[in-house]
Protein backbone atom coordinates (compact mmCIF):
# COMPACT_ATOMS: atom_id res chain seq x y z
CA UNK A 1 38.25 -32.26 25.89
CA UNK A 2 40.53 -31.89 23.17
CA UNK A 3 39.24 -31.40 19.66
CA UNK A 4 41.19 -34.75 18.68
CA UNK A 5 39.16 -37.02 21.20
CA UNK A 6 35.58 -38.28 20.66
CA UNK A 7 33.30 -39.82 23.54
CA UNK A 8 31.86 -43.41 23.51
CA UNK A 9 28.42 -43.54 23.61
CA UNK A 10 27.29 -44.31 27.08
CA UNK A 11 25.86 -48.07 27.26
CA UNK A 12 25.30 -49.07 30.98
CA UNK A 13 21.84 -47.47 31.51
CA UNK A 14 20.81 -49.20 27.88
CA UNK A 15 22.59 -52.58 29.14
CA UNK A 16 20.29 -52.52 32.10
CA UNK A 17 17.42 -51.83 30.24
CA UNK A 18 17.94 -54.23 27.57
CA UNK A 19 18.76 -57.00 29.66
CA UNK A 20 15.37 -56.04 31.99
CA UNK A 21 13.52 -56.21 29.08
CA UNK A 22 14.88 -59.74 27.83
CA UNK A 23 14.07 -61.09 31.56
CA UNK A 24 10.45 -59.77 31.27
CA UNK A 25 10.16 -61.00 27.83
CA UNK A 26 11.44 -64.27 28.83
CA UNK A 27 9.20 -64.60 31.69
CA UNK A 28 6.45 -63.78 29.57
CA UNK A 29 7.23 -66.87 27.32
CA UNK A 30 7.45 -69.05 30.42
CA UNK A 31 4.07 -68.11 31.40
CA UNK A 32 2.95 -69.06 28.35
CA UNK A 33 4.60 -72.57 28.87
CA UNK A 34 2.81 -72.86 31.95
CA UNK A 35 -0.75 -72.22 30.24
CA UNK A 36 0.05 -74.68 27.37
CA UNK A 37 0.38 -77.14 29.86
CA UNK A 38 -2.63 -76.14 31.81
CA UNK A 39 -4.68 -76.44 28.59
CA UNK A 40 -3.36 -79.88 27.86
CA UNK A 41 -4.29 -80.98 31.52
CA UNK A 42 -7.97 -79.82 31.42
CA UNK A 43 -8.70 -81.24 27.79
CA UNK A 44 -10.73 -80.41 25.30
CA UNK A 45 -14.02 -79.10 26.29
CA UNK A 46 -17.29 -80.68 25.18
CA UNK A 47 -17.68 -78.06 22.55
CA UNK A 48 -14.57 -78.89 20.88
CA UNK A 49 -11.90 -76.56 20.11
CA UNK A 50 -12.42 -72.75 19.74
CA UNK A 51 -11.76 -72.37 15.75
CA UNK A 52 -14.79 -74.58 14.62
CA UNK A 53 -13.82 -74.05 11.18
CA UNK A 54 -15.66 -72.28 7.88
CA UNK A 55 -14.96 -68.93 9.87
CA UNK A 56 -16.91 -69.94 12.95
CA UNK A 57 -15.87 -69.86 16.86
CA UNK A 58 -17.25 -71.19 19.92
CA UNK A 59 -17.09 -69.23 23.31
CA UNK A 60 -13.80 -69.30 24.86
CA UNK A 61 -13.68 -70.94 28.44
CA UNK A 62 -11.98 -68.64 31.01
CA UNK A 63 -8.81 -70.82 30.69
CA UNK A 64 -8.58 -70.17 26.67
CA UNK A 65 -9.42 -66.47 27.23
CA UNK A 66 -6.36 -66.08 29.71
CA UNK A 67 -4.25 -67.53 27.30
CA UNK A 68 -5.45 -64.94 24.71
CA UNK A 69 -4.49 -62.55 27.36
CA UNK A 70 -1.16 -64.20 28.16
CA UNK A 71 -0.21 -64.53 24.28
CA UNK A 72 -1.01 -60.74 23.57
CA UNK A 73 0.83 -59.78 26.87
CA UNK A 74 4.11 -61.93 25.53
CA UNK A 75 3.84 -60.55 22.20
CA UNK A 76 3.32 -57.03 23.71
CA UNK A 77 6.79 -57.57 25.61
CA UNK A 78 8.58 -59.18 23.03
CA UNK A 79 8.23 -56.22 20.31
CA UNK A 80 9.53 -53.99 23.58
CA UNK A 81 12.50 -56.09 24.09
CA UNK A 82 13.16 -56.42 20.56
CA UNK A 83 13.37 -52.62 20.21
CA UNK A 84 15.51 -51.89 23.39
CA UNK A 85 17.61 -54.81 22.31
CA UNK A 86 18.40 -53.19 19.05
CA UNK A 87 19.22 -49.84 20.69
CA UNK A 88 21.62 -51.26 22.67
CA UNK A 89 22.94 -53.60 19.87
CA UNK A 90 23.46 -50.41 17.68
CA UNK A 91 25.12 -48.66 20.15
CA UNK A 92 27.62 -51.33 21.27
CA UNK A 93 28.55 -51.75 17.54
CA UNK A 94 29.23 -48.18 17.32
CA UNK A 95 31.33 -48.11 20.48
CA UNK A 96 33.21 -50.99 19.13
CA UNK A 97 34.09 -49.55 16.04
CA UNK A 98 35.56 -46.27 17.79
CA UNK A 99 37.49 -48.87 20.20
CA UNK A 100 38.69 -50.94 17.14
CA UNK A 101 39.64 -48.01 14.88
CA UNK A 102 38.57 -50.80 12.42
CA UNK A 103 35.68 -51.06 9.76
CA UNK A 104 32.87 -53.27 11.08
CA UNK A 105 32.35 -56.57 9.21
CA UNK A 106 28.59 -55.37 9.16
CA UNK A 107 27.47 -51.70 8.18
CA UNK A 108 25.05 -50.28 10.47
CA UNK A 109 21.68 -51.56 8.45
CA UNK A 110 22.46 -55.13 9.48
CA UNK A 111 21.57 -54.50 13.04
CA UNK A 112 18.02 -54.70 12.12
CA UNK A 113 18.33 -56.14 8.86
CA UNK A 114 20.10 -59.26 10.22
CA UNK A 115 17.35 -60.49 11.87
CA UNK A 116 15.19 -61.17 9.30
CA UNK A 117 16.53 -61.86 6.10
CA UNK A 118 16.15 -65.35 5.38
CA UNK A 119 19.31 -67.63 5.90
CA UNK A 120 21.52 -64.71 7.02
CA UNK A 121 19.67 -64.46 10.18
CA UNK A 122 20.73 -67.66 11.42
CA UNK A 123 24.20 -66.16 12.12
CA UNK A 124 24.54 -62.52 11.46
CA UNK A 125 23.13 -61.07 14.45
CA UNK A 126 25.23 -63.64 16.57
CA UNK A 127 28.17 -62.19 14.68
CA UNK A 128 27.58 -58.66 15.16
CA UNK A 129 27.44 -59.36 19.10
CA UNK A 130 30.89 -61.28 19.04
CA UNK A 131 32.59 -58.81 17.06
CA UNK A 132 31.02 -55.99 19.56
CA UNK A 133 32.55 -57.86 22.36
CA UNK A 134 36.25 -58.90 20.63
CA UNK A 135 36.51 -55.10 19.33
CA UNK A 136 36.03 -53.89 22.57
CA UNK A 137 38.27 -56.32 24.47
CA UNK A 138 40.52 -57.94 22.22
CA UNK A 139 42.60 -59.61 25.16
CA UNK A 140 39.61 -61.67 26.28
CA UNK A 141 37.71 -64.87 25.02
CA UNK A 142 34.17 -64.50 23.64
CA UNK A 143 31.99 -65.53 26.56
CA UNK A 144 30.50 -69.14 26.51
CA UNK A 145 27.11 -67.89 27.10
CA UNK A 146 27.17 -66.02 23.52
CA UNK A 147 26.93 -69.29 22.06
CA UNK A 148 24.12 -70.53 24.43
CA UNK A 149 22.20 -67.59 23.77
CA UNK A 150 22.45 -68.14 20.12
CA UNK A 151 21.62 -71.94 20.12
CA UNK A 152 18.38 -71.27 22.31
CA UNK A 153 17.43 -68.76 20.04
CA UNK A 154 17.62 -70.74 17.17
CA UNK A 155 15.71 -73.58 18.41
CA UNK A 156 12.66 -71.11 19.30
CA UNK A 157 13.40 -69.38 15.87
CA UNK A 158 12.87 -72.18 13.85
CA UNK A 159 11.04 -74.91 15.64
CA UNK A 160 7.69 -73.44 13.87
CA UNK A 161 6.16 -72.75 16.89
CA UNK A 162 7.75 -70.10 18.40
CA UNK A 163 8.76 -67.15 17.00
CA UNK A 164 8.33 -68.16 13.40
CA UNK A 165 4.91 -69.49 14.23
CA UNK A 166 1.88 -67.86 12.11
CA UNK A 167 -0.84 -70.10 14.09
CA UNK A 168 -3.60 -67.72 16.00
CA UNK A 169 -3.93 -67.95 19.45
CA UNK A 170 -6.89 -70.31 18.81
CA UNK A 171 -5.04 -72.71 16.66
CA UNK A 172 -2.09 -72.82 19.31
CA UNK A 173 -5.09 -73.51 21.82
CA UNK A 174 -6.26 -76.44 19.43
CA UNK A 175 -2.27 -77.72 19.45
CA UNK A 176 -2.26 -77.75 23.37
CA UNK A 177 -4.93 -80.13 23.34
CA UNK A 178 -3.83 -82.34 20.84
CA UNK A 179 0.13 -82.28 21.22
CA UNK A 180 1.73 -79.72 23.86
CA UNK A 181 5.43 -80.79 24.06
CA UNK A 182 6.56 -79.22 20.85
CA UNK A 183 4.72 -75.79 22.29
CA UNK A 184 6.10 -76.24 25.66
CA UNK A 185 9.52 -77.07 24.22
CA UNK A 186 9.77 -74.01 21.80
CA UNK A 187 8.44 -71.69 24.35
CA UNK A 188 11.28 -73.01 26.94
CA UNK A 189 13.75 -72.47 24.60
CA UNK A 190 13.01 -69.14 23.92
CA UNK A 191 12.94 -68.50 27.80
CA UNK A 192 16.46 -70.19 28.02
CA UNK A 193 17.50 -67.56 25.05
CA UNK A 194 15.93 -64.53 26.76
CA UNK A 195 17.84 -65.23 30.33
CA UNK A 196 21.00 -66.07 28.01
CA UNK A 197 20.82 -62.91 26.45
CA UNK A 198 20.53 -60.83 29.39
CA UNK A 199 23.95 -62.24 30.35
CA UNK A 200 25.41 -61.67 26.90
CA UNK A 201 24.14 -58.01 27.27
CA UNK A 202 25.64 -57.71 30.65
CA UNK A 203 29.20 -59.04 29.29
CA UNK A 204 29.39 -57.01 26.23
CA UNK A 205 28.26 -54.04 28.55
CA UNK A 206 31.04 -54.67 30.62
CA UNK A 207 33.46 -55.09 28.31
CA UNK A 208 32.96 -51.52 26.76
CA UNK A 209 32.21 -49.65 30.15
CA UNK A 210 35.11 -51.10 31.91
CA UNK A 211 37.92 -48.68 33.20
CA UNK A 212 39.98 -48.89 30.40
CA UNK A 213 37.53 -47.74 27.62
CA UNK A 214 35.88 -45.62 29.89
CA UNK A 215 35.66 -41.84 28.78
CA UNK A 216 37.19 -41.36 25.34
CA UNK A 217 39.11 -42.67 22.31
CA UNK A 218 41.26 -40.96 19.87
CA UNK A 219 39.12 -39.31 17.15
CA UNK A 220 41.62 -40.74 14.71
CA UNK A 221 40.05 -44.09 15.35
CA UNK A 222 36.59 -43.22 14.05
CA UNK A 223 36.13 -44.78 10.51
């Protein structure tokens, strides 16, 4: 390979792993939505809700125990999904910088910080993804699924019962008994965001891994 050429980081495998992780996490949130409905259908047990107040908790029913397991498994899958997705996003952002020859709008640290900084997390990650696609395939329009993904993500983020919810599993069980639909709608928004996110990963990955970008780009485009 010539000294004035550099390779793009491979993204096909990372993209497959990231999209698969998104679908698994979405499946976990769907199961939680089903469990919310099962709890609502069963009704509050004779002993009341699990959290009795004052630090007292009654023994859980089998259905409530199942909810704890589902919630824990979903939490683990969500963390794994986040790690894999961020790895993919960092890689496509760096590749887009090479392909465009331009400094990106957000420096590398924003791939992580953009998701957690208050207010900014409402648009920064979506911009990073959009920029990666446009810089990789400037002749193409941004896929509509990017906005679908981000819209559902925001619903799940700001609903107060999804990703940003601070309630314990026992408190969520009590909410399912009392008013299940906000929980279910939040869970399903995250399911939709995960499925749409898998298509977003696929679209951006294809834009970078296409034959026109495959192999090498001029090292002079590195900024």
